Amino acid sequence: MQVGAHVRSEFRITSPPPNARYEIDPVLQSSQQMVELTAAVASDVEWFVNNKRIFPQQDSRFFWQLAPGEWHLRAVNRIGTTEETITVVE
């Protein structure tokens, strides 16, 4: 008899968290007010914010510059698509 566990990877956005709310800090430079976009399954992910594709930085990490409004995030890879909405206020 063989005993083992099957681990199922769930493709989901891990950062930012669901329904996150951010506030723009008037003191900090805008370059310091970014959020990293990460998914539970990180390989071959394409990111979109309000249907506009976001490209990785030189280190292959994805960052998005905070801007006021409600933003729809979508991550896509071979497993499927996952989506979240965040809010940014001034």
C-alpha atoms as a PDB file:
ATOM      1  CA  MET A   1       0.000   0.000   0.000  1.00  0.00           C
ATOM      2  CA  GLN A   2       1.319   3.410  -0.929  1.00  0.00           C
ATOM      3  CA  VAL A   3       0.459   6.443   1.156  1.00  0.00           C
ATOM      4  CA  GLY A   4       0.851   9.910  -0.259  1.00  0.00           C
ATOM      5  CA  ALA A   5      -0.738  13.280  -0.663  1.00  0.00           C
ATOM      6  CA  HIS A   6      -1.831  15.041  -3.785  1.00  0.00           C
ATOM      7  CA  VAL A   7      -1.259  18.776  -3.605  1.00  0.00           C
ATOM      8  CA  ARG A   8      -3.539  20.843  -5.805  1.00  0.00           C
ATOM      9  CA  SER A   9      -2.264  24.255  -6.810  1.00  0.00           C
ATOM     10  CA  GLU A  10      -4.965  26.886  -6.824  1.00  0.00           C
ATOM     11  CA  PHE A  11      -4.227  29.736  -9.195  1.00  0.00           C
ATOM     12  CA  ARG A  12      -5.066  32.914  -7.297  1.00  0.00           C
ATOM     13  CA  ILE A  13      -3.768  36.407  -6.666  1.00  0.00           C
ATOM     14  CA  THR A  14      -1.789  36.550  -3.413  1.00  0.00           C
ATOM     15  CA  SER A  15      -0.819  40.234  -3.537  1.00  0.00           C
ATOM     16  CA  PRO A  16      -2.627  42.484  -3.259  1.00  0.00           C
ATOM     17  CA  PRO A  17      -5.164  40.736  -1.038  1.00  0.00           C
ATOM     18  CA  PRO A  18      -8.831  40.627  -2.099  1.00  0.00           C
ATOM     19  CA  ASN A  19     -10.645  43.969  -1.877  1.00  0.00           C
ATOM     20  CA  ALA A  20      -7.503  45.762  -0.656  1.00  0.00           C
ATOM     21  CA  ARG A  21      -7.760  49.488  -0.013  1.00  0.00           C
ATOM     22  CA  TYR A  22      -4.701  51.734  -0.318  1.00  0.00           C
ATOM     23  CA  GLU A  23      -4.254  55.392   0.513  1.00  0.00           C
ATOM     24  CA  ILE A  24      -1.865  57.649  -1.391  1.00  0.00           C
ATOM     25  CA  ASP A  25       0.557  59.294   1.052  1.00  0.00           C
ATOM     26  CA  PRO A  26       1.116  62.943   0.045  1.00  0.00           C
ATOM     27  CA  VAL A  27       4.554  62.940   1.703  1.00  0.00           C
ATOM     28  CA  LEU A  28       6.063  59.903  -0.056  1.00  0.00           C
ATOM     29  CA  GLN A  29       7.383  60.044  -3.601  1.00  0.00           C
ATOM     30  CA  SER A  30       5.121  58.276  -6.077  1.00  0.00           C
ATOM     31  CA  SER A  31       7.947  55.850  -6.930  1.00  0.00           C
ATOM     32  CA  GLN A  32       7.697  54.577  -3.344  1.00  0.00           C
ATOM     33  CA  GLN A  33       3.953  53.943  -3.619  1.00  0.00           C
ATOM     34  CA  MET A  34       3.703  50.759  -5.604  1.00  0.00           C
ATOM     35  CA  VAL A  35       2.199  47.361  -4.965  1.00  0.00           C
ATOM     36  CA  GLU A  36       3.798  44.102  -6.039  1.00  0.00           C
ATOM     37  CA  LEU A  37       1.540  41.774  -8.009  1.00  0.00           C
ATOM     38  CA  THR A  38       1.993  38.106  -7.109  1.00  0.00           C
ATOM     39  CA  ALA A  39       0.052  34.906  -7.718  1.00  0.00           C
ATOM     40  CA  ALA A  40       0.061  31.531  -5.940  1.00  0.00           C
ATOM     41  CA  VAL A  41       1.294  29.914  -9.145  1.00  0.00           C
ATOM     42  CA  ALA A  42       3.969  32.341 -10.263  1.00  0.00           C
ATOM     43  CA  SER A  43       5.233  30.826 -13.508  1.00  0.00           C
ATOM     44  CA  ASP A  44       4.268  32.321 -16.846  1.00  0.00           C
ATOM     45  CA  VAL A  45       1.745  34.804 -15.429  1.00  0.00           C
ATOM     46  CA  GLU A  46       0.536  37.765 -17.464  1.00  0.00           C
ATOM     47  CA  TRP A  47      -0.854  40.686 -15.464  1.00  0.00           C
ATOM     48  CA  PHE A  48      -3.516  43.201 -16.482  1.00  0.00           C
ATOM     49  CA  VAL A  49      -4.794  46.274 -14.626  1.00  0.00           C
ATOM     50  CA  ASN A  50      -8.100  47.556 -16.040  1.00  0.00           C
ATOM     51  CA  ASN A  51      -7.369  45.427 -19.138  1.00  0.00           C
ATOM     52  CA  LYS A  52      -3.956  47.067 -19.712  1.00  0.00           C
ATOM     53  CA  ARG A  53      -1.048  44.607 -19.654  1.00  0.00           C
ATOM     54  CA  ILE A  54       1.652  45.177 -17.024  1.00  0.00           C
ATOM     55  CA  PHE A  55       5.192  44.089 -17.908  1.00  0.00           C
ATOM     56  CA  PRO A  56       7.779  42.787 -15.420  1.00  0.00           C
ATOM     57  CA  GLN A  57      10.679  44.776 -14.049  1.00  0.00           C
ATOM     58  CA  GLN A  58      14.232  43.695 -14.878  1.00  0.00           C
ATOM     59  CA  ASP A  59      14.170  41.230 -11.967  1.00  0.00           C
ATOM     60  CA  SER A  60      11.005  39.567 -13.366  1.00  0.00           C
ATOM     61  CA  ARG A  61       8.832  40.986 -10.591  1.00  0.00           C
ATOM     62  CA  PHE A  62       5.617  42.858 -11.335  1.00  0.00           C
ATOM     63  CA  PHE A  63       4.920  46.223  -9.683  1.00  0.00           C
ATOM     64  CA  TRP A  64       2.029  48.599 -10.255  1.00  0.00           C
ATOM     65  CA  GLN A  65       2.117  52.315  -9.446  1.00  0.00           C
ATOM     66  CA  LEU A  66      -0.751  53.262  -7.128  1.00  0.00           C
ATOM     67  CA  ALA A  67      -3.220  55.769  -8.584  1.00  0.00           C
ATOM     68  CA  PRO A  68      -6.596  56.907  -7.207  1.00  0.00           C
ATOM     69  CA  GLY A  69      -9.602  54.885  -8.306  1.00  0.00           C
ATOM     70  CA  GLU A  70     -11.029  51.402  -8.377  1.00  0.00           C
ATOM     71  CA  TRP A  71      -8.784  48.955 -10.213  1.00  0.00           C
ATOM     72  CA  HIS A  72      -9.544  45.553 -11.678  1.00  0.00           C
ATOM     73  CA  LEU A  73      -6.544  43.172 -11.542  1.00  0.00           C
ATOM     74  CA  ARG A  74      -6.383  40.044 -13.674  1.00  0.00           C
ATOM     75  CA  ALA A  75      -3.708  37.359 -13.732  1.00  0.00           C
ATOM     76  CA  VAL A  76      -3.640  34.850 -16.585  1.00  0.00           C
ATOM     77  CA  ASN A  77      -1.567  31.701 -17.113  1.00  0.00           C
ATOM     78  CA  ARG A  78      -1.949  28.197 -18.564  1.00  0.00           C
ATOM     79  CA  ILE A  79      -4.072  27.098 -15.566  1.00  0.00           C
ATOM     80  CA  GLY A  80      -6.654  29.833 -16.015  1.00  0.00           C
ATOM     81  CA  THR A  81      -7.584  33.348 -14.969  1.00  0.00           C
ATOM     82  CA  THR A  82      -7.994  34.933 -11.551  1.00  0.00           C
ATOM     83  CA  GLU A  83      -9.257  38.429 -10.740  1.00  0.00           C
ATOM     84  CA  GLU A  84      -9.422  40.907  -7.852  1.00  0.00           C
ATOM     85  CA  THR A  85     -10.528  44.500  -7.377  1.00  0.00           C
ATOM     86  CA  ILE A  86      -8.642  47.053  -5.282  1.00  0.00           C
ATOM     87  CA  THR A  87      -9.378  50.649  -4.327  1.00  0.00           C
ATOM     88  CA  VAL A  88      -6.876  53.499  -4.051  1.00  0.00           C
ATOM     89  CA  VAL A  89      -7.827  56.820  -2.434  1.00  0.00           C
ATOM     90  CA  GLU A  90      -6.002  60.126  -2.025  1.00  0.00           C
END
